[in-house]
Amino acid sequence: VQLQAFGGGLVHVGGSLRLSCAASGSVPRFNTMGWYRQAPGKERELVARISRNRFVGTEYGDSVKGRFTISRDSAKNTVQLQMNSLKPDDTAVYYCNANSAWGEVWGQGTLVTVSS
C-alpha cells in the first residue's frame, strides 16, 4: 500500500491550504489516518488524526487547534486536512500517515511554506 499526498505549496500568512492524501495498492482497513509535520531542525509532530471509530473521533496538535480540520472518506481511503489562518510556524513538510492491523504506513511528504 502507498500513500500519496497532494496540496502543499506556498501561501501567505493568514491564508489557507487543503492537503489531501490517497491510498493505493493493497489497501487494508485503516483504523486511523492522519497528518504529521516536520519543520527544519525539529522533530516530527502530530498535526491531526482521525479514527475510523466515530466514538474515538479526532485529535489535534495543540498548535493547530481551531485552525485546522481533518476529515476522511473511509470508503475511498482518503484523508484531507483543511488548514486556515496559516502562520509562519506552520511551515514544514507534512506527512500523511495511516494505521491498520497490519502496521503503519507513511506518505512521501508535501512541503507547506507560509511566508510573512
PDB file of N, CA and C in Angstrom:
ATOM      1  N   VAL A   1       0.837  -1.180   0.000  1.00  0.00           N
ATOM      2  CA  VAL A   1       0.000   0.000   0.000  1.00  0.00           C
ATOM      3  C   VAL A   1       0.883   1.244   0.000  1.00  0.00           C
ATOM      4  N   GLN A   2       0.439   2.276  -0.704  1.00  0.00           N
ATOM      5  CA  GLN A   2       1.159   3.547  -0.761  1.00  0.00           C
ATOM      6  C   GLN A   2       0.217   4.692  -0.433  1.00  0.00           C
ATOM      7  N   LEU A   3       0.773   5.717   0.196  1.00  0.00           N
ATOM      8  CA  LEU A   3       0.028   6.935   0.475  1.00  0.00           C
ATOM      9  C   LEU A   3       0.631   8.062  -0.359  1.00  0.00           C
ATOM     10  N   GLN A   4      -0.214   8.790  -1.054  1.00  0.00           N
ATOM     11  CA  GLN A   4       0.218   9.898  -1.888  1.00  0.00           C
ATOM     12  C   GLN A   4      -0.430  11.166  -1.381  1.00  0.00           C
ATOM     13  N   ALA A   5       0.399  12.139  -1.019  1.00  0.00           N
ATOM     14  CA  ALA A   5      -0.098  13.409  -0.509  1.00  0.00           C
ATOM     15  C   ALA A   5      -0.075  14.476  -1.590  1.00  0.00           C
ATOM     16  N   PHE A   6      -1.077  15.347  -1.543  1.00  0.00           N
ATOM     17  CA  PHE A   6      -1.207  16.434  -2.515  1.00  0.00           C
ATOM     18  C   PHE A   6      -1.571  17.725  -1.788  1.00  0.00           C
ATOM     19  N   GLY A   7      -1.270  18.840  -2.430  1.00  0.00           N
ATOM     20  CA  GLY A   7      -1.828  20.097  -1.986  1.00  0.00           C
ATOM     21  C   GLY A   7      -0.885  21.055  -1.296  1.00  0.00           C
ATOM     22  N   GLY A   8       0.355  20.679  -1.089  1.00  0.00           N
ATOM     23  CA  GLY A   8       1.279  21.610  -0.471  1.00  0.00           C
ATOM     24  C   GLY A   8       1.608  22.763  -1.401  1.00  0.00           C
ATOM     25  N   GLY A   9       2.258  23.757  -0.850  1.00  0.00           N
ATOM     26  CA  GLY A   9       2.647  24.900  -1.668  1.00  0.00           C
ATOM     27  C   GLY A   9       3.013  26.085  -0.817  1.00  0.00           C
ATOM     28  N   LEU A  10       3.067  27.240  -1.476  1.00  0.00           N
ATOM     29  CA  LEU A  10       3.438  28.499  -0.832  1.00  0.00           C
ATOM     30  C   LEU A  10       2.183  29.329  -0.594  1.00  0.00           C
ATOM     31  N   VAL A  11       2.037  29.826   0.616  1.00  0.00           N
ATOM     32  CA  VAL A  11       0.874  30.637   0.952  1.00  0.00           C
ATOM     33  C   VAL A  11       1.309  31.755   1.892  1.00  0.00           C
ATOM     34  N   HIS A  12       0.582  32.857   1.856  1.00  0.00           N
ATOM     35  CA  HIS A  12       0.906  33.978   2.739  1.00  0.00           C
ATOM     36  C   HIS A  12       0.290  33.774   4.119  1.00  0.00           C
ATOM     37  N   VAL A  13       0.823  34.460   5.078  1.00  0.00           N
ATOM     38  CA  VAL A  13       0.282  34.406   6.436  1.00  0.00           C
ATOM     39  C   VAL A  13      -1.208  34.717   6.412  1.00  0.00           C
ATOM     40  N   GLY A  14      -1.960  33.905   7.136  1.00  0.00           N
ATOM     41  CA  GLY A  14      -3.401  34.086   7.190  1.00  0.00           C
ATOM     42  C   GLY A  14      -4.164  33.356   6.103  1.00  0.00           C
ATOM     43  N   GLY A  15      -3.437  32.793   5.168  1.00  0.00           N
ATOM     44  CA  GLY A  15      -4.071  32.092   4.066  1.00  0.00           C
ATOM     45  C   GLY A  15      -4.479  30.671   4.420  1.00  0.00           C
ATOM     46  N   SER A  16      -4.962  29.957   3.422  1.00  0.00           N
ATOM     47  CA  SER A  16      -5.459  28.601   3.620  1.00  0.00           C
ATOM     48  C   SER A  16      -4.887  27.662   2.570  1.00  0.00           C
ATOM     49  N   LEU A  17      -4.770  26.424   2.961  1.00  0.00           N
ATOM     50  CA  LEU A  17      -4.397  25.351   2.053  1.00  0.00           C
ATOM     51  C   LEU A  17      -5.177  24.100   2.437  1.00  0.00           C
ATOM     52  N   ARG A  18      -5.377  23.244   1.473  1.00  0.00           N
ATOM     53  CA  ARG A  18      -6.035  21.976   1.751  1.00  0.00           C
ATOM     54  C   ARG A  18      -5.145  20.844   1.265  1.00  0.00           C
ATOM     55  N   LEU A  19      -4.768  19.977   2.155  1.00  0.00           N
ATOM     56  CA  LEU A  19      -3.969  18.813   1.809  1.00  0.00           C
ATOM     57  C   LEU A  19      -4.878  17.596   1.654  1.00  0.00           C
ATOM     58  N   SER A  20      -4.516  16.759   0.717  1.00  0.00           N
ATOM     59  CA  SER A  20      -5.240  15.512   0.519  1.00  0.00           C
ATOM     60  C   SER A  20      -4.249  14.359   0.475  1.00  0.00           C
ATOM     61  N   CYS A  21      -4.727  13.212   0.877  1.00  0.00           N
ATOM     62  CA  CYS A  21      -3.888  12.016   0.853  1.00  0.00           C
ATOM     63  C   CYS A  21      -4.749  10.848   0.408  1.00  0.00           C
ATOM     64  N   ALA A  22      -4.236  10.092  -0.539  1.00  0.00           N
ATOM     65  CA  ALA A  22      -4.978   8.952  -1.058  1.00  0.00           C
ATOM     66  C   ALA A  22      -4.125   7.701  -0.956  1.00  0.00           C
ATOM     67  N   ALA A  23      -4.764   6.609  -0.591  1.00  0.00           N
ATOM     68  CA  ALA A  23      -4.087   5.320  -0.502  1.00  0.00           C
ATOM     69  C   ALA A  23      -4.315   4.540  -1.790  1.00  0.00           C
ATOM     70  N   SER A  24      -3.305   3.817  -2.190  1.00  0.00           N
ATOM     71  CA  SER A  24      -3.421   2.978  -3.382  1.00  0.00           C
ATOM     72  C   SER A  24      -2.714   1.649  -3.134  1.00  0.00           C
ATOM     73  N   GLY A  25      -2.962   0.716  -4.002  1.00  0.00           N
ATOM     74  CA  GLY A  25      -2.375  -0.604  -3.845  1.00  0.00           C
ATOM     75  C   GLY A  25      -3.298  -1.511  -3.061  1.00  0.00           C
ATOM     76  N   SER A  26      -2.721  -2.423  -2.316  1.00  0.00           N
ATOM     77  CA  SER A  26      -3.498  -3.355  -1.488  1.00  0.00           C
ATOM     78  C   SER A  26      -3.838  -2.650  -0.178  1.00  0.00           C
ATOM     79  N   VAL A  27      -4.933  -1.925  -0.202  1.00  0.00           N
ATOM     80  CA  VAL A  27      -5.272  -1.058   0.917  1.00  0.00           C
ATOM     81  C   VAL A  27      -5.997  -1.837   2.004  1.00  0.00           C
ATOM     82  N   PRO A  28      -5.449  -1.853   3.217  1.00  0.00           N
ATOM     83  CA  PRO A  28      -6.138  -2.531   4.317  1.00  0.00           C
ATOM     84  C   PRO A  28      -7.204  -1.622   4.922  1.00  0.00           C
ATOM     85  N   ARG A  29      -7.850  -2.125   5.944  1.00  0.00           N
ATOM     86  CA  ARG A  29      -8.830  -1.316   6.677  1.00  0.00           C
ATOM     87  C   ARG A  29      -8.050  -0.440   7.652  1.00  0.00           C
ATOM     88  N   PHE A  30      -7.985   0.841   7.340  1.00  0.00           N
ATOM     89  CA  PHE A  30      -7.243   1.757   8.200  1.00  0.00           C
ATOM     90  C   PHE A  30      -8.055   2.108   9.436  1.00  0.00           C
ATOM     91  N   ASN A  31      -7.436   1.986  10.596  1.00  0.00           N
ATOM     92  CA  ASN A  31      -8.090   2.398  11.836  1.00  0.00           C
ATOM     93  C   ASN A  31      -7.983   3.908  12.005  1.00  0.00           C
ATOM     94  N   THR A  32      -6.786   4.426  11.880  1.00  0.00           N
ATOM     95  CA  THR A  32      -6.591   5.872  11.952  1.00  0.00           C
ATOM     96  C   THR A  32      -5.859   6.351  10.712  1.00  0.00           C
ATOM     97  N   MET A  33      -6.169   7.555  10.312  1.00  0.00           N
ATOM     98  CA  MET A  33      -5.428   8.252   9.260  1.00  0.00           C
ATOM     99  C   MET A  33      -5.127   9.645   9.785  1.00  0.00           C
ATOM    100  N   GLY A  34      -4.017  10.185   9.366  1.00  0.00           N
ATOM    101  CA  GLY A  34      -3.691  11.487   9.912  1.00  0.00           C
ATOM    102  C   GLY A  34      -2.541  12.159   9.218  1.00  0.00           C
ATOM    103  N   TRP A  35      -2.156  13.279   9.808  1.00  0.00           N
ATOM    104  CA  TRP A  35      -1.086  14.103   9.267  1.00  0.00           C
ATOM    105  C   TRP A  35      -0.088  14.437  10.381  1.00  0.00           C
ATOM    106  N   TYR A  36       1.164  14.362  10.021  1.00  0.00           N
ATOM    107  CA  TYR A  36       2.248  14.807  10.881  1.00  0.00           C
ATOM    108  C   TYR A  36       3.059  15.819  10.092  1.00  0.00           C
ATOM    109  N   ARG A  37       3.877  16.568  10.785  1.00  0.00           N
ATOM    110  CA  ARG A  37       4.736  17.524  10.086  1.00  0.00           C
ATOM    111  C   ARG A  37       6.099  17.586  10.741  1.00  0.00           C
ATOM    112  N   GLN A  38       7.059  17.996   9.930  1.00  0.00           N
ATOM    113  CA  GLN A  38       8.417  18.162  10.439  1.00  0.00           C
ATOM    114  C   GLN A  38       9.018  19.424   9.851  1.00  0.00           C
ATOM    115  N   ALA A  39       9.326  20.343  10.727  1.00  0.00           N
ATOM    116  CA  ALA A  39       9.977  21.588  10.324  1.00  0.00           C
ATOM    117  C   ALA A  39      11.489  21.398  10.410  1.00  0.00           C
ATOM    118  N   PRO A  40      12.249  22.215   9.677  1.00  0.00           N
ATOM    119  CA  PRO A  40      13.710  22.092   9.717  1.00  0.00           C
ATOM    120  C   PRO A  40      14.260  22.180  11.135  1.00  0.00           C
ATOM    121  N   GLY A  41      15.060  21.217  11.507  1.00  0.00           N
ATOM    122  CA  GLY A  41      15.679  21.220  12.826  1.00  0.00           C
ATOM    123  C   GLY A  41      14.783  20.785  13.963  1.00  0.00           C
ATOM    124  N   LYS A  42      13.574  20.357  13.632  1.00  0.00           N
ATOM    125  CA  LYS A  42      12.633  19.939  14.677  1.00  0.00           C
ATOM    126  C   LYS A  42      12.214  18.500  14.466  1.00  0.00           C
ATOM    127  N   GLU A  43      11.646  17.919  15.526  1.00  0.00           N
ATOM    128  CA  GLU A  43      11.149  16.560  15.441  1.00  0.00           C
ATOM    129  C   GLU A  43       9.791  16.532  14.748  1.00  0.00           C
ATOM    130  N   ARG A  44       9.465  15.378  14.207  1.00  0.00           N
ATOM    131  CA  ARG A  44       8.153  15.209  13.596  1.00  0.00           C
ATOM    132  C   ARG A  44       7.091  15.266  14.694  1.00  0.00           C
ATOM    133  N   GLU A  45       5.998  15.976  14.404  1.00  0.00           N
ATOM    134  CA  GLU A  45       4.948  16.127  15.398  1.00  0.00           C
ATOM    135  C   GLU A  45       3.583  15.849  14.787  1.00  0.00           C
ATOM    136  N   LEU A  46       2.672  15.465  15.650  1.00  0.00           N
ATOM    137  CA  LEU A  46       1.311  15.231  15.222  1.00  0.00           C
ATOM    138  C   LEU A  46       0.640  16.545  14.860  1.00  0.00           C
ATOM    139  N   VAL A  47      -0.027  16.555  13.703  1.00  0.00           N
ATOM    140  CA  VAL A  47      -0.879  17.677  13.335  1.00  0.00           C
ATOM    141  C   VAL A  47      -2.327  17.330  13.661  1.00  0.00           C
ATOM    142  N   ALA A  48      -2.795  16.232  13.107  1.00  0.00           N
ATOM    143  CA  ALA A  48      -4.161  15.788  13.353  1.00  0.00           C
ATOM    144  C   ALA A  48      -4.296  14.344  12.917  1.00  0.00           C
ATOM    145  N   ARG A  49      -5.199  13.630  13.572  1.00  0.00           N
ATOM    146  CA  ARG A  49      -5.515  12.284  13.132  1.00  0.00           C
ATOM    147  C   ARG A  49      -6.970  11.997  13.436  1.00  0.00           C
ATOM    148  N   ILE A  50      -7.502  11.066  12.683  1.00  0.00           N
ATOM    149  CA  ILE A  50      -8.923  10.773  12.773  1.00  0.00           C
ATOM    150  C   ILE A  50      -9.112   9.266  12.759  1.00  0.00           C
ATOM    151  N   SER A  51      -9.962   8.812  13.643  1.00  0.00           N
ATOM    152  CA  SER A  51     -10.206   7.391  13.770  1.00  0.00           C
ATOM    153  C   SER A  51     -11.379   6.961  12.911  1.00  0.00           C
ATOM    154  N   ARG A  52     -11.330   5.692  12.525  1.00  0.00           N
ATOM    155  CA  ARG A  52     -12.477   5.116  11.844  1.00  0.00           C
ATOM    156  C   ARG A  52     -13.649   4.981  12.814  1.00  0.00           C
ATOM    157  N   ASN A  53     -13.328   4.843  14.078  1.00  0.00           N
ATOM    158  CA  ASN A  53     -14.329   4.708  15.130  1.00  0.00           C
ATOM    159  C   ASN A  53     -14.812   6.096  15.522  1.00  0.00           C
ATOM    160  N   ARG A  54     -16.056   6.377  15.238  1.00  0.00           N
ATOM    161  CA  ARG A  54     -16.570   7.723  15.496  1.00  0.00           C
ATOM    162  C   ARG A  54     -16.583   8.064  16.976  1.00  0.00           C
ATOM    163  N   PHE A  55     -16.545   7.062  17.836  1.00  0.00           N
ATOM    164  CA  PHE A  55     -16.517   7.334  19.269  1.00  0.00           C
ATOM    165  C   PHE A  55     -15.118   7.777  19.707  1.00  0.00           C
ATOM    166  N   VAL A  56     -14.122   7.452  18.918  1.00  0.00           N
ATOM    167  CA  VAL A  56     -12.765   7.899  19.199  1.00  0.00           C
ATOM    168  C   VAL A  56     -12.551   9.280  18.619  1.00  0.00           C
ATOM    169  N   GLY A  57     -13.029   9.490  17.405  1.00  0.00           N
ATOM    170  CA  GLY A  57     -13.036  10.818  16.822  1.00  0.00           C
ATOM    171  C   GLY A  57     -11.691  11.302  16.338  1.00  0.00           C
ATOM    172  N   THR A  58     -11.421  12.577  16.599  1.00  0.00           N
ATOM    173  CA  THR A  58     -10.238  13.247  16.078  1.00  0.00           C
ATOM    174  C   THR A  58      -9.339  13.738  17.203  1.00  0.00           C
ATOM    175  N   GLU A  59      -8.096  13.951  16.838  1.00  0.00           N
ATOM    176  CA  GLU A  59      -7.114  14.507  17.772  1.00  0.00           C
ATOM    177  C   GLU A  59      -6.287  15.520  17.008  1.00  0.00           C
ATOM    178  N   TYR A  60      -6.027  16.659  17.647  1.00  0.00           N
ATOM    179  CA  TYR A  60      -5.242  17.722  17.014  1.00  0.00           C
ATOM    180  C   TYR A  60      -4.055  18.101  17.899  1.00  0.00           C
ATOM    181  N   GLY A  61      -2.984  18.488  17.231  1.00  0.00           N
ATOM    182  CA  GLY A  61      -1.879  19.073  17.966  1.00  0.00           C
ATOM    183  C   GLY A  61      -2.301  20.422  18.538  1.00  0.00           C
ATOM    184  N   ASP A  62      -1.754  20.770  19.658  1.00  0.00           N
ATOM    185  CA  ASP A  62      -2.175  21.994  20.344  1.00  0.00           C
ATOM    186  C   ASP A  62      -2.002  23.234  19.473  1.00  0.00           C
ATOM    187  N   SER A  63      -0.971  23.264  18.667  1.00  0.00           N
ATOM    188  CA  SER A  63      -0.674  24.469  17.897  1.00  0.00           C
ATOM    189  C   SER A  63      -1.623  24.683  16.721  1.00  0.00           C
ATOM    190  N   VAL A  64      -2.417  23.686  16.376  1.00  0.00           N
ATOM    191  CA  VAL A  64      -3.297  23.839  15.211  1.00  0.00           C
ATOM    192  C   VAL A  64      -4.775  23.804  15.584  1.00  0.00           C
ATOM    193  N   LYS A  65      -5.067  23.569  16.844  1.00  0.00           N
ATOM    194  CA  LYS A  65      -6.469  23.501  17.263  1.00  0.00           C
ATOM    195  C   LYS A  65      -7.199  24.790  16.923  1.00  0.00           C
ATOM    196  N   GLY A  66      -8.377  24.640  16.348  1.00  0.00           N
ATOM    197  CA  GLY A  66      -9.183  25.795  15.985  1.00  0.00           C
ATOM    198  C   GLY A  66      -8.865  26.373  14.619  1.00  0.00           C
ATOM    199  N   ARG A  67      -7.767  25.915  14.017  1.00  0.00           N
ATOM    200  CA  ARG A  67      -7.382  26.435  12.702  1.00  0.00           C
ATOM    201  C   ARG A  67      -7.416  25.355  11.622  1.00  0.00           C
ATOM    202  N   PHE A  68      -7.100  24.139  12.012  1.00  0.00           N
ATOM    203  CA  PHE A  68      -7.043  23.034  11.063  1.00  0.00           C
ATOM    204  C   PHE A  68      -8.212  22.084  11.313  1.00  0.00           C
ATOM    205  N   THR A  69      -8.677  21.464  10.230  1.00  0.00           N
ATOM    206  CA  THR A  69      -9.751  20.480  10.335  1.00  0.00           C
ATOM    207  C   THR A  69      -9.394  19.262   9.507  1.00  0.00           C
ATOM    208  N   ILE A  70      -9.477  18.100  10.131  1.00  0.00           N
ATOM    209  CA  ILE A  70      -9.188  16.852   9.427  1.00  0.00           C
ATOM    210  C   ILE A  70     -10.501  16.144   9.109  1.00  0.00           C
ATOM    211  N   SER A  71     -10.523  15.497   7.962  1.00  0.00           N
ATOM    212  CA  SER A  71     -11.681  14.703   7.577  1.00  0.00           C
ATOM    213  C   SER A  71     -11.198  13.501   6.775  1.00  0.00           C
ATOM    214  N   ARG A  72     -12.040  12.495   6.663  1.00  0.00           N
ATOM    215  CA  ARG A  72     -11.645  11.326   5.904  1.00  0.00           C
ATOM    216  C   ARG A  72     -12.852  10.722   5.203  1.00  0.00           C
ATOM    217  N   ASP A  73     -12.557  10.017   4.132  1.00  0.00           N
ATOM    218  CA  ASP A  73     -13.551   9.223   3.441  1.00  0.00           C
ATOM    219  C   ASP A  73     -13.046   7.781   3.500  1.00  0.00           C
ATOM    220  N   SER A  74     -13.573   7.032   4.437  1.00  0.00           N
ATOM    221  CA  SER A  74     -13.073   5.674   4.656  1.00  0.00           C
ATOM    222  C   SER A  74     -13.329   4.781   3.450  1.00  0.00           C
ATOM    223  N   ALA A  75     -14.427   5.021   2.752  1.00  0.00           N
ATOM    224  CA  ALA A  75     -14.750   4.203   1.588  1.00  0.00           C
ATOM    225  C   ALA A  75     -13.721   4.405   0.474  1.00  0.00           C
ATOM    226  N   LYS A  76     -13.211   5.625   0.360  1.00  0.00           N
ATOM    227  CA  LYS A  76     -12.237   5.947  -0.683  1.00  0.00           C
ATOM    228  C   LYS A  76     -10.802   5.909  -0.177  1.00  0.00           C
ATOM    229  N   ASN A  77     -10.634   5.662   1.119  1.00  0.00           N
ATOM    230  CA  ASN A  77      -9.294   5.627   1.718  1.00  0.00           C
ATOM    231  C   ASN A  77      -8.529   6.924   1.479  1.00  0.00           C
ATOM    232  N   THR A  78      -9.209   8.018   1.731  1.00  0.00           N
ATOM    233  CA  THR A  78      -8.581   9.329   1.610  1.00  0.00           C
ATOM    234  C   THR A  78      -8.731  10.096   2.917  1.00  0.00           C
ATOM    235  N   VAL A  79      -7.810  11.007   3.144  1.00  0.00           N
ATOM    236  CA  VAL A  79      -7.870  11.883   4.300  1.00  0.00           C
ATOM    237  C   VAL A  79      -7.460  13.282   3.849  1.00  0.00           C
ATOM    238  N   GLN A  80      -8.159  14.275   4.381  1.00  0.00           N
ATOM    239  CA  GLN A  80      -7.911  15.651   3.999  1.00  0.00           C
ATOM    240  C   GLN A  80      -7.574  16.478   5.251  1.00  0.00           C
ATOM    241  N   LEU A  81      -6.852  17.553   5.014  1.00  0.00           N
ATOM    242  CA  LEU A  81      -6.519  18.481   6.085  1.00  0.00           C
ATOM    243  C   LEU A  81      -6.755  19.889   5.573  1.00  0.00           C
ATOM    244  N   GLN A  82      -7.762  20.544   6.111  1.00  0.00           N
ATOM    245  CA  GLN A  82      -8.040  21.935   5.777  1.00  0.00           C
ATOM    246  C   GLN A  82      -7.290  22.808   6.756  1.00  0.00           C
ATOM    247  N   MET A  83      -6.410  23.634   6.235  1.00  0.00           N
ATOM    248  CA  MET A  83      -5.577  24.479   7.069  1.00  0.00           C
ATOM    249  C   MET A  83      -5.929  25.943   6.833  1.00  0.00           C
ATOM    250  N   ASN A  84      -6.413  26.597   7.856  1.00  0.00           N
ATOM    251  CA  ASN A  84      -6.788  28.009   7.786  1.00  0.00           C
ATOM    252  C   ASN A  84      -5.917  28.834   8.721  1.00  0.00           C
ATOM    253  N   SER A  85      -5.942  30.120   8.504  1.00  0.00           N
ATOM    254  CA  SER A  85      -5.188  31.061   9.350  1.00  0.00           C
ATOM    255  C   SER A  85      -3.743  30.606   9.518  1.00  0.00           C
ATOM    256  N   LEU A  86      -3.118  30.300   8.415  1.00  0.00           N
ATOM    257  CA  LEU A  86      -1.762  29.753   8.466  1.00  0.00           C
ATOM    258  C   LEU A  86      -0.760  30.781   8.997  1.00  0.00           C
ATOM    259  N   LYS A  87       0.216  30.251   9.728  1.00  0.00           N
ATOM    260  CA  LYS A  87       1.256  31.069  10.331  1.00  0.00           C
ATOM    261  C   LYS A  87       2.619  30.608   9.821  1.00  0.00           C
ATOM    262  N   PRO A  88       3.629  31.447   9.931  1.00  0.00           N
ATOM    263  CA  PRO A  88       4.977  31.013   9.509  1.00  0.00           C
ATOM    264  C   PRO A  88       5.436  29.744  10.227  1.00  0.00           C
ATOM    265  N   ASP A  89       5.020  29.562  11.482  1.00  0.00           N
ATOM    266  CA  ASP A  89       5.398  28.360  12.225  1.00  0.00           C
ATOM    267  C   ASP A  89       4.765  27.083  11.672  1.00  0.00           C
ATOM    268  N   ASP A  90       3.814  27.220  10.767  1.00  0.00           N
ATOM    269  CA  ASP A  90       3.212  26.048  10.139  1.00  0.00           C
ATOM    270  C   ASP A  90       4.067  25.531   8.985  1.00  0.00           C
ATOM    271  N   THR A  91       5.103  26.271   8.627  1.00  0.00           N
ATOM    272  CA  THR A  91       5.995  25.841   7.556  1.00  0.00           C
ATOM    273  C   THR A  91       6.682  24.533   7.935  1.00  0.00           C
ATOM    274  N   ALA A  92       6.494  23.538   7.085  1.00  0.00           N
ATOM    275  CA  ALA A  92       7.036  22.213   7.377  1.00  0.00           C
ATOM    276  C   ALA A  92       6.736  21.285   6.209  1.00  0.00           C
ATOM    277  N   VAL A  93       7.335  20.112   6.256  1.00  0.00           N
ATOM    278  CA  VAL A  93       6.919  19.033   5.367  1.00  0.00           C
ATOM    279  C   VAL A  93       5.825  18.262   6.086  1.00  0.00           C
ATOM    280  N   TYR A  94       4.711  18.098   5.431  1.00  0.00           N
ATOM    281  CA  TYR A  94       3.556  17.420   6.011  1.00  0.00           C
ATOM    282  C   TYR A  94       3.491  15.988   5.458  1.00  0.00           C
ATOM    283  N   TYR A  95       3.352  15.057   6.384  1.00  0.00           N
ATOM    284  CA  TYR A  95       3.334  13.648   6.025  1.00  0.00           C
ATOM    285  C   TYR A  95       1.980  13.029   6.349  1.00  0.00           C
ATOM    286  N   CYS A  96       1.476  12.294   5.391  1.00  0.00           N
ATOM    287  CA  CYS A  96       0.263  11.521   5.612  1.00  0.00           C
ATOM    288  C   CYS A  96       0.639  10.214   6.312  1.00  0.00           C
ATOM    289  N   ASN A  97      -0.229   9.755   7.176  1.00  0.00           N
ATOM    290  CA  ASN A  97       0.039   8.550   7.958  1.00  0.00           C
ATOM    291  C   ASN A  97      -1.242   7.743   8.090  1.00  0.00           C
ATOM    292  N   ALA A  98      -1.094   6.434   8.095  1.00  0.00           N
ATOM    293  CA  ALA A  98      -2.261   5.569   8.290  1.00  0.00           C
ATOM    294  C   ALA A  98      -1.859   4.332   9.066  1.00  0.00           C
ATOM    295  N   ASN A  99      -2.754   3.881   9.924  1.00  0.00           N
ATOM    296  CA  ASN A  99      -2.512   2.698  10.747  1.00  0.00           C
ATOM    297  C   ASN A  99      -3.601   1.667  10.533  1.00  0.00           C
ATOM    298  N   SER A 100      -3.175   0.424  10.459  1.00  0.00           N
ATOM    299  CA  SER A 100      -4.118  -0.676  10.365  1.00  0.00           C
ATOM    300  C   SER A 100      -3.590  -1.819  11.224  1.00  0.00           C
ATOM    301  N   ALA A 101      -4.318  -2.893  11.237  1.00  0.00           N
ATOM    302  CA  ALA A 101      -3.867  -4.074  11.984  1.00  0.00           C
ATOM    303  C   ALA A 101      -2.558  -4.621  11.409  1.00  0.00           C
ATOM    304  N   TRP A 102      -2.225  -4.229  10.183  1.00  0.00           N
ATOM    305  CA  TRP A 102      -1.013  -4.713   9.527  1.00  0.00           C
ATOM    306  C   TRP A 102       0.174  -3.804   9.755  1.00  0.00           C
ATOM    307  N   GLY A 103      -0.042  -2.674  10.381  1.00  0.00           N
ATOM    308  CA  GLY A 103       1.068  -1.786  10.665  1.00  0.00           C
ATOM    309  C   GLY A 103       0.813  -0.366  10.240  1.00  0.00           C
ATOM    310  N   GLU A 104       1.900   0.369  10.148  1.00  0.00           N
ATOM    311  CA  GLU A 104       1.833   1.813   9.888  1.00  0.00           C
ATOM    312  C   GLU A 104       2.415   2.113   8.515  1.00  0.00           C
ATOM    313  N   VAL A 105       1.794   3.087   7.841  1.00  0.00           N
ATOM    314  CA  VAL A 105       2.244   3.488   6.507  1.00  0.00           C
ATOM    315  C   VAL A 105       2.435   4.999   6.487  1.00  0.00           C
ATOM    316  N   TRP A 106       3.495   5.451   5.839  1.00  0.00           N
ATOM    317  CA  TRP A 106       3.762   6.883   5.696  1.00  0.00           C
ATOM    318  C   TRP A 106       3.774   7.268   4.231  1.00  0.00           C
ATOM    319  N   GLY A 107       3.275   8.461   3.956  1.00  0.00           N
ATOM    320  CA  GLY A 107       3.377   9.041   2.630  1.00  0.00           C
ATOM    321  C   GLY A 107       4.710   9.734   2.464  1.00  0.00           C
ATOM    322  N   GLN A 108       4.938  10.283   1.289  1.00  0.00           N
ATOM    323  CA  GLN A 108       6.238  10.852   0.947  1.00  0.00           C
ATOM    324  C   GLN A 108       6.425  12.265   1.451  1.00  0.00           C
ATOM    325  N   GLY A 109       5.404  12.926   1.871  1.00  0.00           N
ATOM    326  CA  GLY A 109       5.522  14.289   2.378  1.00  0.00           C
ATOM    327  C   GLY A 109       5.248  15.337   1.317  1.00  0.00           C
ATOM    328  N   THR A 110       4.645  16.414   1.744  1.00  0.00           N
ATOM    329  CA  THR A 110       4.400  17.553   0.867  1.00  0.00           C
ATOM    330  C   THR A 110       4.763  18.821   1.627  1.00  0.00           C
ATOM    331  N   LEU A 111       5.475  19.723   0.956  1.00  0.00           N
ATOM    332  CA  LEU A 111       6.002  20.910   1.613  1.00  0.00           C
ATOM    333  C   LEU A 111       4.961  22.019   1.657  1.00  0.00           C
ATOM    334  N   VAL A 112       4.786  22.568   2.831  1.00  0.00           N
ATOM    335  CA  VAL A 112       3.946  23.750   3.029  1.00  0.00           C
ATOM    336  C   VAL A 112       4.842  24.874   3.517  1.00  0.00           C
ATOM    337  N   THR A 113       4.809  25.990   2.805  1.00  0.00           N
ATOM    338  CA  THR A 113       5.619  27.146   3.171  1.00  0.00           C
ATOM    339  C   THR A 113       4.693  28.339   3.375  1.00  0.00           C
ATOM    340  N   VAL A 114       4.759  28.928   4.554  1.00  0.00           N
ATOM    341  CA  VAL A 114       3.941  30.091   4.874  1.00  0.00           C
ATOM    342  C   VAL A 114       4.862  31.289   4.954  1.00  0.00           C
ATOM    343  N   SER A 115       4.642  32.257   4.078  1.00  0.00           N
ATOM    344  CA  SER A 115       5.511  33.430   4.029  1.00  0.00           C
ATOM    345  C   SER A 115       4.878  34.589   4.781  1.00  0.00           C
ATOM    346  N   SER A 116       5.738  35.347   5.424  1.00  0.00           N
ATOM    347  CA  SER A 116       5.249  36.509   6.192  1.00  0.00           C
ATOM    348  C   SER A 116       5.397  37.783   5.405  1.00  0.00           C
TER     349      SER A 116
END
